[in-house]
C-alpha atoms as a PDB file:
ATOM      1  CA  MET A   1     -27.603  -5.038 -21.728  1.00  0.00           C
ATOM      2  CA  LYS A   2     -24.233  -3.394 -21.126  1.00  0.00           C
ATOM      3  CA  ILE A   3     -22.080  -3.653 -18.018  1.00  0.00           C
ATOM      4  CA  SER A   4     -19.435  -1.080 -17.117  1.00  0.00           C
ATOM      5  CA  ILE A   5     -16.497  -2.306 -15.039  1.00  0.00           C
ATOM      6  CA  ILE A   6     -14.263   0.264 -13.347  1.00  0.00           C
ATOM      7  CA  THR A   7     -10.711  -0.317 -12.119  1.00  0.00           C
ATOM      8  CA  PRO A   8      -8.889   2.351 -10.088  1.00  0.00           C
ATOM      9  CA  SER A   9      -5.115   2.147 -10.359  1.00  0.00           C
ATOM     10  CA  TYR A  10      -2.002   3.806  -9.102  1.00  0.00           C
ATOM     11  CA  ASN A  11       1.484   2.365  -9.600  1.00  0.00           C
ATOM     12  CA  SER A  12       0.001  -1.062 -10.250  1.00  0.00           C
ATOM     13  CA  LYS A  13       2.452  -2.458 -12.785  1.00  0.00           C
ATOM     14  CA  ASN A  14       3.104  -5.634 -10.797  1.00  0.00           C
ATOM     15  CA  TYR A  15      -0.473  -6.924 -10.951  1.00  0.00           C
ATOM     16  CA  ILE A  16      -2.794  -4.845 -13.155  1.00  0.00           C
ATOM     17  CA  GLU A  17      -2.154  -6.874 -16.310  1.00  0.00           C
ATOM     18  CA  LYS A  18      -3.674  -9.972 -14.713  1.00  0.00           C
ATOM     19  CA  CYS A  19      -6.726  -7.906 -13.759  1.00  0.00           C
ATOM     20  CA  ILE A  20      -7.062  -6.503 -17.285  1.00  0.00           C
ATOM     21  CA  ASN A  21      -6.816  -9.933 -18.901  1.00  0.00           C
ATOM     22  CA  SER A  22      -9.464 -11.335 -16.568  1.00  0.00           C
ATOM     23  CA  VAL A  23     -11.863  -8.644 -17.813  1.00  0.00           C
ATOM     24  CA  ILE A  24     -11.138  -8.581 -21.546  1.00  0.00           C
ATOM     25  CA  SER A  25     -11.223 -12.389 -21.766  1.00  0.00           C
ATOM     26  CA  GLN A  26     -14.830 -12.553 -20.539  1.00  0.00           C
ATOM     27  CA  SER A  27     -17.235 -14.424 -22.804  1.00  0.00           C
ATOM     28  CA  TYR A  28     -19.867 -11.703 -22.342  1.00  0.00           C
ATOM     29  CA  LYS A  29     -19.126  -9.125 -25.009  1.00  0.00           C
ATOM     30  CA  ASP A  30     -21.140  -6.035 -24.088  1.00  0.00           C
ATOM     31  CA  ILE A  31     -18.586  -4.819 -21.554  1.00  0.00           C
ATOM     32  CA  GLU A  32     -17.280  -1.301 -21.135  1.00  0.00           C
ATOM     33  CA  TYR A  33     -14.006  -1.463 -19.238  1.00  0.00           C
ATOM     34  CA  ILE A  34     -12.735   1.816 -17.766  1.00  0.00           C
ATOM     35  CA  ILE A  35      -9.472   2.188 -15.876  1.00  0.00           C
ATOM     36  CA  MET A  36      -9.025   5.352 -13.825  1.00  0.00           C
ATOM     37  CA  ASP A  37      -5.323   5.848 -13.199  1.00  0.00           C
ATOM     38  CA  GLY A  38      -3.994   8.348 -10.686  1.00  0.00           C
ATOM     39  CA  LEU A  39      -0.940   9.513 -12.653  1.00  0.00           C
ATOM     40  CA  SER A  40       1.147   6.373 -12.172  1.00  0.00           C
ATOM     41  CA  ASP A  41       4.885   6.751 -12.697  1.00  0.00           C
ATOM     42  CA  ASP A  42       6.048   3.137 -12.339  1.00  0.00           C
ATOM     43  CA  GLY A  43       5.298   1.747 -15.780  1.00  0.00           C
ATOM     44  CA  THR A  44       1.581   1.137 -15.280  1.00  0.00           C
ATOM     45  CA  LEU A  45       0.767   3.474 -18.171  1.00  0.00           C
ATOM     46  CA  ASP A  46       2.915   1.383 -20.508  1.00  0.00           C
ATOM     47  CA  ILE A  47       0.722  -1.611 -19.684  1.00  0.00           C
ATOM     48  CA  LEU A  48      -2.480   0.393 -20.161  1.00  0.00           C
ATOM     49  CA  ASN A  49      -1.278   1.624 -23.548  1.00  0.00           C
ATOM     50  CA  LYS A  50      -0.597  -1.980 -24.524  1.00  0.00           C
ATOM     51  CA  TYR A  51      -4.340  -2.659 -24.175  1.00  0.00           C
ATOM     52  CA  LYS A  52      -5.648   0.693 -25.389  1.00  0.00           C
ATOM     53  CA  ASP A  53      -7.699  -0.933 -28.176  1.00  0.00           C
ATOM     54  CA  LYS A  54      -9.625  -3.041 -25.666  1.00  0.00           C
ATOM     55  CA  ILE A  55     -10.038  -0.694 -22.718  1.00  0.00           C
ATOM     56  CA  LYS A  56     -10.743   2.929 -21.940  1.00  0.00           C
ATOM     57  CA  PHE A  57      -8.295   4.564 -19.570  1.00  0.00           C
ATOM     58  CA  PHE A  58      -7.774   7.986 -18.091  1.00  0.00           C
ATOM     59  CA  SER A  59      -4.710   9.106 -16.170  1.00  0.00           C
ATOM     60  CA  GLU A  60      -5.344  12.130 -13.990  1.00  0.00           C
ATOM     61  CA  LYS A  61      -4.894  13.314 -10.437  1.00  0.00           C
ATOM     62  CA  ASP A  62      -7.439  11.993  -7.982  1.00  0.00           C
ATOM     63  CA  ASN A  63      -8.077  12.098  -4.255  1.00  0.00           C
ATOM     64  CA  GLY A  64      -7.746   8.392  -3.625  1.00  0.00           C
ATOM     65  CA  ASN A  65      -9.296   5.107  -4.624  1.00  0.00           C
ATOM     66  CA  TYR A  66     -12.958   6.017  -4.098  1.00  0.00           C
ATOM     67  CA  ASP A  67     -12.575   9.311  -5.938  1.00  0.00           C
ATOM     68  CA  ALA A  68     -11.182   7.432  -8.943  1.00  0.00           C
ATOM     69  CA  ILE A  69     -14.023   4.909  -8.819  1.00  0.00           C
ATOM     70  CA  LYS A  70     -16.636   7.639  -8.513  1.00  0.00           C
ATOM     71  CA  LYS A  71     -15.198   9.415 -11.569  1.00  0.00           C
ATOM     72  CA  GLY A  72     -15.280   6.128 -13.435  1.00  0.00           C
ATOM     73  CA  PHE A  73     -18.935   5.581 -12.574  1.00  0.00           C
ATOM     74  CA  GLU A  74     -19.733   9.056 -13.851  1.00  0.00           C
ATOM     75  CA  LYS A  75     -18.153   8.136 -17.195  1.00  0.00           C
ATOM     76  CA  ALA A  76     -19.833   4.716 -17.330  1.00  0.00           C
ATOM     77  CA  THR A  77     -22.577   4.151 -19.913  1.00  0.00           C
ATOM     78  CA  GLY A  78     -23.559   0.631 -18.861  1.00  0.00           C
ATOM     79  CA  ASP A  79     -26.909  -0.425 -17.411  1.00  0.00           C
ATOM     80  CA  VAL A  80     -25.048  -2.418 -14.738  1.00  0.00           C
ATOM     81  CA  ILE A  81     -21.889  -1.223 -12.989  1.00  0.00           C
ATOM     82  CA  THR A  82     -19.239  -2.618 -10.660  1.00  0.00           C
ATOM     83  CA  TRP A  83     -15.570  -2.158  -9.845  1.00  0.00           C
ATOM     84  CA  ILE A  84     -12.613  -4.437  -9.459  1.00  0.00           C
ATOM     85  CA  ASP A  85      -9.382  -3.223  -7.881  1.00  0.00           C
ATOM     86  CA  SER A  86      -6.208  -3.502  -9.932  1.00  0.00           C
ATOM     87  CA  ASP A  87      -4.661  -6.207  -7.748  1.00  0.00           C
ATOM     88  CA  ASN A  88      -7.685  -8.523  -8.006  1.00  0.00           C
ATOM     89  CA  TYR A  89      -9.129 -10.507 -10.902  1.00  0.00           C
ATOM     90  CA  TYR A  90     -12.188 -12.429 -12.100  1.00  0.00           C
ATOM     91  CA  TYR A  91     -12.054 -16.126 -11.360  1.00  0.00           C
ATOM     92  CA  SER A  92     -13.204 -17.458 -14.732  1.00  0.00           C
ATOM     93  CA  ASP A  93     -14.044 -16.236 -18.232  1.00  0.00           C
ATOM     94  CA  ASP A  94     -17.807 -16.736 -17.877  1.00  0.00           C
ATOM     95  CA  VAL A  95     -18.335 -14.783 -14.645  1.00  0.00           C
ATOM     96  CA  ILE A  96     -19.884 -11.703 -16.257  1.00  0.00           C
ATOM     97  CA  GLU A  97     -22.017 -13.785 -18.617  1.00  0.00           C
ATOM     98  CA  LYS A  98     -23.636 -15.627 -15.696  1.00  0.00           C
ATOM     99  CA  ILE A  99     -24.192 -12.413 -13.760  1.00  0.00           C
ATOM    100  CA  MET A 100     -25.727 -10.562 -16.685  1.00  0.00           C
ATOM    101  CA  LYS A 101     -27.967 -13.526 -17.446  1.00  0.00           C
ATOM    102  CA  ALA A 102     -29.358 -13.202 -13.920  1.00  0.00           C
ATOM    103  CA  PHE A 103     -29.944  -9.454 -14.352  1.00  0.00           C
ATOM    104  CA  ILE A 104     -31.725  -9.966 -17.668  1.00  0.00           C
ATOM    105  CA  SER A 105     -33.746 -13.092 -16.816  1.00  0.00           C
ATOM    106  CA  ASN A 106     -34.936 -11.984 -13.381  1.00  0.00           C
ATOM    107  CA  GLU A 107     -35.011  -8.197 -13.842  1.00  0.00           C
ATOM    108  CA  LEU A 108     -32.676  -7.747 -10.885  1.00  0.00           C
ATOM    109  CA  GLU A 109     -31.232  -4.519  -9.547  1.00  0.00           C
ATOM    110  CA  LEU A 110     -28.486  -5.996  -7.374  1.00  0.00           C
ATOM    111  CA  VAL A 111     -26.482  -9.217  -7.542  1.00  0.00           C
ATOM    112  CA  VAL A 112     -24.136 -10.529  -4.850  1.00  0.00           C
ATOM    113  CA  THR A 113     -21.698 -13.386  -5.450  1.00  0.00           C
ATOM    114  CA  ASN A 114     -19.092 -15.348  -3.538  1.00  0.00           C
ATOM    115  CA  CYS A 115     -15.368 -14.803  -3.927  1.00  0.00           C
ATOM    116  CA  TYR A 116     -11.999 -16.127  -2.880  1.00  0.00           C
ATOM    117  CA  TYR A 117      -9.380 -14.247  -0.948  1.00  0.00           C
ATOM    118  CA  HIS A 118      -5.822 -15.205  -0.195  1.00  0.00           C
ATOM    119  CA  TYR A 119      -2.962 -13.616   1.664  1.00  0.00           C
ATOM    120  CA  GLU A 120      -0.029 -12.193  -0.208  1.00  0.00           C
ATOM    121  CA  GLY A 121       2.559 -14.918  -0.711  1.00  0.00           C
ATOM    122  CA  SER A 122       0.093 -17.727  -0.078  1.00  0.00           C
ATOM    123  CA  LYS A 123      -1.749 -19.915  -2.588  1.00  0.00           C
ATOM    124  CA  LYS A 124      -4.362 -21.110  -0.103  1.00  0.00           C
ATOM    125  CA  MET A 125      -7.797 -19.718  -0.975  1.00  0.00           C
ATOM    126  CA  HIS A 126     -10.468 -18.755   1.546  1.00  0.00           C
ATOM    127  CA  VAL A 127     -14.118 -18.269   0.594  1.00  0.00           C
ATOM    128  CA  VAL A 128     -16.235 -15.186   1.312  1.00  0.00           C
ATOM    129  CA  SER A 129     -19.772 -16.518   1.094  1.00  0.00           C
ATOM    130  CA  PRO A 130     -22.503 -14.250   2.538  1.00  0.00           C
ATOM    131  CA  ALA A 131     -25.752 -16.034   3.344  1.00  0.00           C
ATOM    132  CA  ARG A 132     -28.816 -14.981   1.362  1.00  0.00           C
ATOM    133  CA  ASN A 133     -30.712 -14.016   4.519  1.00  0.00           C
ATOM    134  CA  LYS A 134     -27.907 -11.619   5.492  1.00  0.00           C
ATOM    135  CA  ILE A 135     -28.245  -9.491   2.378  1.00  0.00           C
ATOM    136  CA  ASN A 136     -30.460  -6.856   3.955  1.00  0.00           C
ATOM    137  CA  ARG A 137     -29.950  -3.439   5.453  1.00  0.00           C
ATOM    138  CA  LYS A 138     -30.443  -4.378   9.122  1.00  0.00           C
ATOM    139  CA  THR A 139     -28.054  -7.324   9.083  1.00  0.00           C
ATOM    140  CA  LEU A 140     -25.417  -5.413   7.147  1.00  0.00           C
ATOM    141  CA  ILE A 141     -25.497  -2.524   9.629  1.00  0.00           C
ATOM    142  CA  ASN A 142     -25.093  -4.871  12.579  1.00  0.00           C
ATOM    143  CA  SER A 143     -22.603  -7.273  10.996  1.00  0.00           C
ATOM    144  CA  GLY A 144     -20.161  -4.798   9.495  1.00  0.00           C
ATOM    145  CA  ASN A 145     -19.010  -5.003   5.892  1.00  0.00           C
ATOM    146  CA  ILE A 146     -19.489  -8.578   4.654  1.00  0.00           C
ATOM    147  CA  PHE A 147     -19.172  -7.881   0.900  1.00  0.00           C
ATOM    148  CA  MET A 148     -16.128  -7.557  -1.313  1.00  0.00           C
ATOM    149  CA  PRO A 149     -16.657  -4.826  -3.963  1.00  0.00           C
ATOM    150  CA  GLU A 150     -15.610  -7.243  -6.729  1.00  0.00           C
ATOM    151  CA  CYS A 151     -18.508  -9.505  -5.726  1.00  0.00           C
ATOM    152  CA  VAL A 152     -21.317  -6.928  -5.927  1.00  0.00           C
ATOM    153  CA  PHE A 153     -22.987  -5.810  -9.181  1.00  0.00           C
ATOM    154  CA  TYR A 154     -25.799  -3.260  -9.438  1.00  0.00           C
ATOM    155  CA  LYS A 155     -27.908  -1.226 -11.807  1.00  0.00           C
ATOM    156  CA  LYS A 156     -26.439   2.192 -12.428  1.00  0.00           C
ATOM    157  CA  ASN A 157     -29.742   3.862 -11.600  1.00  0.00           C
ATOM    158  CA  LEU A 158     -29.752   2.092  -8.199  1.00  0.00           C
ATOM    159  CA  TYR A 159     -26.276   3.466  -7.526  1.00  0.00           C
ATOM    160  CA  GLU A 160     -27.340   6.968  -8.541  1.00  0.00           C
ATOM    161  CA  LYS A 161     -30.540   6.788  -6.495  1.00  0.00           C
ATOM    162  CA  SER A 162     -28.468   5.878  -3.417  1.00  0.00           C
ATOM    163  CA  GLY A 163     -26.362   9.029  -3.754  1.00  0.00           C
ATOM    164  CA  GLY A 164     -23.270   7.090  -4.787  1.00  0.00           C
ATOM    165  CA  LEU A 165     -19.945   6.849  -2.991  1.00  0.00           C
ATOM    166  CA  ASN A 166     -19.454   9.216  -0.083  1.00  0.00           C
ATOM    167  CA  LEU A 167     -15.883  10.489  -0.306  1.00  0.00           C
ATOM    168  CA  LYS A 168     -15.720  11.527   3.326  1.00  0.00           C
ATOM    169  CA  TYR A 169     -14.993   7.850   4.014  1.00  0.00           C
ATOM    170  CA  LYS A 170     -11.451   6.910   2.993  1.00  0.00           C
ATOM    171  CA  LEU A 171     -11.642   3.160   3.626  1.00  0.00           C
ATOM    172  CA  LEU A 172     -15.280   2.076   3.968  1.00  0.00           C
ATOM    173  CA  ALA A 173     -17.257   4.106   1.443  1.00  0.00           C
ATOM    174  CA  ASP A 174     -18.262   0.797  -0.151  1.00  0.00           C
ATOM    175  CA  TYR A 175     -19.778  -0.398   3.147  1.00  0.00           C
ATOM    176  CA  GLU A 176     -21.952   2.701   3.388  1.00  0.00           C
ATOM    177  CA  LEU A 177     -22.859   2.368  -0.304  1.00  0.00           C
ATOM    178  CA  TRP A 178     -24.273  -1.142   0.226  1.00  0.00           C
ATOM    179  CA  ILE A 179     -26.388   0.109   3.126  1.00  0.00           C
ATOM    180  CA  LYS A 180     -27.718   3.042   1.095  1.00  0.00           C
ATOM    181  CA  MET A 181     -28.577   0.835  -1.883  1.00  0.00           C
ATOM    182  CA  LEU A 182     -30.373  -1.654   0.370  1.00  0.00           C
ATOM    183  CA  ASN A 183     -32.420   1.220   1.825  1.00  0.00           C
ATOM    184  CA  SER A 184     -34.622   1.126  -1.271  1.00  0.00           C
ATOM    185  CA  HIS A 185     -35.258  -2.631  -1.024  1.00  0.00           C
ATOM    186  CA  PRO A 186     -33.987  -3.446  -4.529  1.00  0.00           C
ATOM    187  CA  LYS A 187     -34.822  -6.696  -6.265  1.00  0.00           C
ATOM    188  CA  LEU A 188     -31.718  -8.736  -5.599  1.00  0.00           C
ATOM    189  CA  ASP A 189     -30.272 -12.206  -5.606  1.00  0.00           C
ATOM    190  CA  LEU A 190     -27.258 -14.127  -4.361  1.00  0.00           C
ATOM    191  CA  ILE A 191     -25.580 -16.238  -7.029  1.00  0.00           C
ATOM    192  CA  PRO A 192     -23.568 -18.969  -5.238  1.00  0.00           C
ATOM    193  CA  MET A 193     -20.605 -18.818  -7.586  1.00  0.00           C
ATOM    194  CA  ILE A 194     -17.026 -17.606  -7.192  1.00  0.00           C
ATOM    195  CA  SER A 195     -16.777 -14.395  -9.193  1.00  0.00           C
ATOM    196  CA  SER A 196     -13.365 -13.036  -8.262  1.00  0.00           C
ATOM    197  CA  VAL A 197     -10.147 -13.439  -6.332  1.00  0.00           C
ATOM    198  CA  TYR A 198      -9.062 -10.829  -3.801  1.00  0.00           C
ATOM    199  CA  GLU A 199      -5.467 -10.643  -2.594  1.00  0.00           C
ATOM    200  CA  VAL A 200      -4.879  -9.422   0.948  1.00  0.00           C
ATOM    201  CA  ARG A 201      -1.633  -7.480   0.617  1.00  0.00           C
ATOM    202  CA  SER A 202       0.507  -6.322   3.522  1.00  0.00           C
ATOM    203  CA  ASP A 203       0.485  -2.745   2.200  1.00  0.00           C
ATOM    204  CA  ALA A 204      -3.285  -2.591   1.624  1.00  0.00           C
ATOM    205  CA  LEU A 205      -4.897   0.602   2.903  1.00  0.00           C
ATOM    206  CA  LEU A 206      -7.259  -1.248   5.252  1.00  0.00           C
ATOM    207  CA  ARG A 207      -4.364  -3.055   6.905  1.00  0.00           C
ATOM    208  CA  LYS A 208      -2.118   0.004   7.092  1.00  0.00           C
ATOM    209  CA  ASN A 209      -4.883   2.203   8.531  1.00  0.00           C
ATOM    210  CA  PHE A 210      -6.605  -0.188  10.891  1.00  0.00           C
ATOM    211  CA  LEU A 211      -7.670   2.461  13.388  1.00  0.00           C
ATOM    212  CA  LEU A 212      -9.315   4.591  10.693  1.00  0.00           C
ATOM    213  CA  SER A 213     -11.079   1.525   9.311  1.00  0.00           C
ATOM    214  CA  TRP A 214     -12.541   0.710  12.702  1.00  0.00           C
ATOM    215  CA  LYS A 215     -13.484   4.357  13.308  1.00  0.00           C
ATOM    216  CA  GLU A 216     -15.362   4.566   9.989  1.00  0.00           C
ATOM    217  CA  SER A 217     -17.161   1.276  10.616  1.00  0.00           C
ATOM    218  CA  PHE A 218     -18.225   2.475  14.048  1.00  0.00           C
ATOM    219  CA  LEU A 219     -19.317   5.869  12.695  1.00  0.00           C
ATOM    220  CA  ILE A 220     -21.384   4.321   9.892  1.00  0.00           C
ATOM    221  CA  GLY A 221     -23.022   2.004  12.410  1.00  0.00           C
ATOM    222  CA  ASN A 222     -23.995   4.976  14.572  1.00  0.00           C
ATOM    223  CA  ILE A 223     -25.378   6.968  11.641  1.00  0.00           C
ATOM    224  CA  TYR A 224     -27.524   4.055  10.469  1.00  0.00           C
ATOM    225  CA  ASN A 225     -28.673   3.032  13.970  1.00  0.00           C
ATOM    226  CA  ARG A 226     -26.617  -0.048  14.771  1.00  0.00           C
ATOM    227  CA  ASN A 227     -28.103  -2.115  17.605  1.00  0.00           C
ATOM    228  CA  PHE A 228     -26.839  -1.013  21.050  1.00  0.00           C
ATOM    229  CA  PHE A 229     -25.633  -4.467  22.072  1.00  0.00           C
ATOM    230  CA  ILE A 230     -23.888  -4.846  18.733  1.00  0.00           C
ATOM    231  CA  LYS A 231     -22.072  -1.567  19.433  1.00  0.00           C
ATOM    232  CA  ILE A 232     -20.743  -3.097  22.654  1.00  0.00           C
ATOM    233  CA  LYS A 233     -19.713  -6.188  20.699  1.00  0.00           C
ATOM    234  CA  PHE A 234     -17.853  -3.947  18.260  1.00  0.00           C
ATOM    235  CA  TYR A 235     -15.847  -2.474  21.144  1.00  0.00           C
ATOM    236  CA  PHE A 236     -14.726  -5.957  22.152  1.00  0.00           C
ATOM    237  CA  LEU A 237     -13.943  -6.809  18.543  1.00  0.00           C
ATOM    238  CA  TYR A 238     -11.907  -3.633  18.356  1.00  0.00           C
ATOM    239  CA  ILE A 239      -9.813  -4.662  21.346  1.00  0.00           C
ATOM    240  CA  LYS A 240      -9.370  -8.162  19.919  1.00  0.00           C
ATOM    241  CA  SER A 241      -8.404  -6.731  16.549  1.00  0.00           C
ATOM    242  CA  GLN A 242      -5.912  -4.361  18.167  1.00  0.00           C
ATOM    243  CA  ILE A 243      -4.167  -7.302  19.805  1.00  0.00           C
ATOM    244  CA  ARG A 244      -4.202  -9.235  16.524  1.00  0.00           C
ATOM    245  CA  TYR A 245      -2.931  -6.196  14.641  1.00  0.00           C
ATOM    246  CA  SER A 246      -0.031  -5.831  17.058  1.00  0.00           C
ATOM    247  CA  ILE A 247       0.900  -9.501  16.637  1.00  0.00           C
ATOM    248  CA  VAL A 248       0.706  -9.258  12.838  1.00  0.00           C
ATOM    249  CA  SER A 249       2.893  -6.143  12.905  1.00  0.00           C
ATOM    250  CA  ILE A 250       5.546  -8.028  14.857  1.00  0.00           C
ATOM    251  CA  ILE A 251       5.366 -10.952  12.412  1.00  0.00           C
ATOM    252  CA  ASN A 252       5.639  -8.666   9.378  1.00  0.00           C
ATOM    253  CA  LYS A 253       8.828  -7.166  10.785  1.00  0.00           C
ATOM    254  CA  ASN A 254      10.388 -10.625  11.098  1.00  0.00           C
ATOM    255  CA  LYS A 255      10.795 -12.006   7.578  1.00  0.00           C
ATOM    256  CA  ASN A 256      11.887 -15.482   8.665  1.00  0.00           C
ATOM    257  CA  LEU A 257       8.988 -15.864  11.074  1.00  0.00           C
ATOM    258  CA  LYS A 258       6.521 -14.585   8.471  1.00  0.00           C
ATOM    259  CA  ASN A 259       7.727 -17.057   5.829  1.00  0.00           C
ATOM    260  CA  PHE A 260       7.584 -19.911   8.340  1.00  0.00           C
ATOM    261  CA  LEU A 261       3.978 -19.141   9.281  1.00  0.00           C
ATOM    262  CA  ILE A 262       2.925 -18.786   5.630  1.00  0.00           C
ATOM    263  CA  ARG A 263       4.435 -22.162   4.754  1.00  0.00           C
ATOM    264  CA  HIS A 264       2.865 -24.022   7.644  1.00  0.00           C
ATOM    265  CA  PHE A 265      -0.440 -22.346   8.401  1.00  0.00           C
ATOM    266  CA  ARG A 266      -1.833 -20.836   5.175  1.00  0.00           C
END
């Protein structure tokens, strides 16, 4: 059984090589690795050419991260698909082998795993570990996005049946995708293993566009009938997040304060 892994990239020369090596070093051999580059001009293409015998890559204009991923999925020929962003990487060399074993042995359509995340400049790892009983449509709608894209693997026909990524969402198309895939009650499982490492960067789109992120989360919740009381809770979370966002913005503007906090609290 083949798995296709997609990586969107744009001006990623500082971190994409680590991502590439985490994929091509996997012990599972039936992997199709496709990198969709958005016409990088910083040296990223030099790195991609370095690995051209082990990866497939395309460099063309796109309309953002999700557009690149969607194009990659259209090119994918694997039975199972997933994506990993260029600044993230798989945690160990046997990650894909364990995941594909679960797909094959249990005839699964969707696999969710745990992952680590850490803040840029910090080595301290935090675990994202969704509970098995939360992997359902209702809980996901009312909880917000609890999955990292690098930690979710799915049959290509499940993705296609869901309608795929909706490009009207600029930051949370993955959140809506999980809801749509869960609509069909796929056979799924949670594998309690760390599959990948996600770096929270200060210039990440979600952090730079907080208001849009919240707006899209709220809109998706309304479309898919989020519980009324949960909607009220989301308003309070929005206010709390606004305050936190303002504090973080102040910290980011003060380099000495930021470095102090990283050293002592992360």
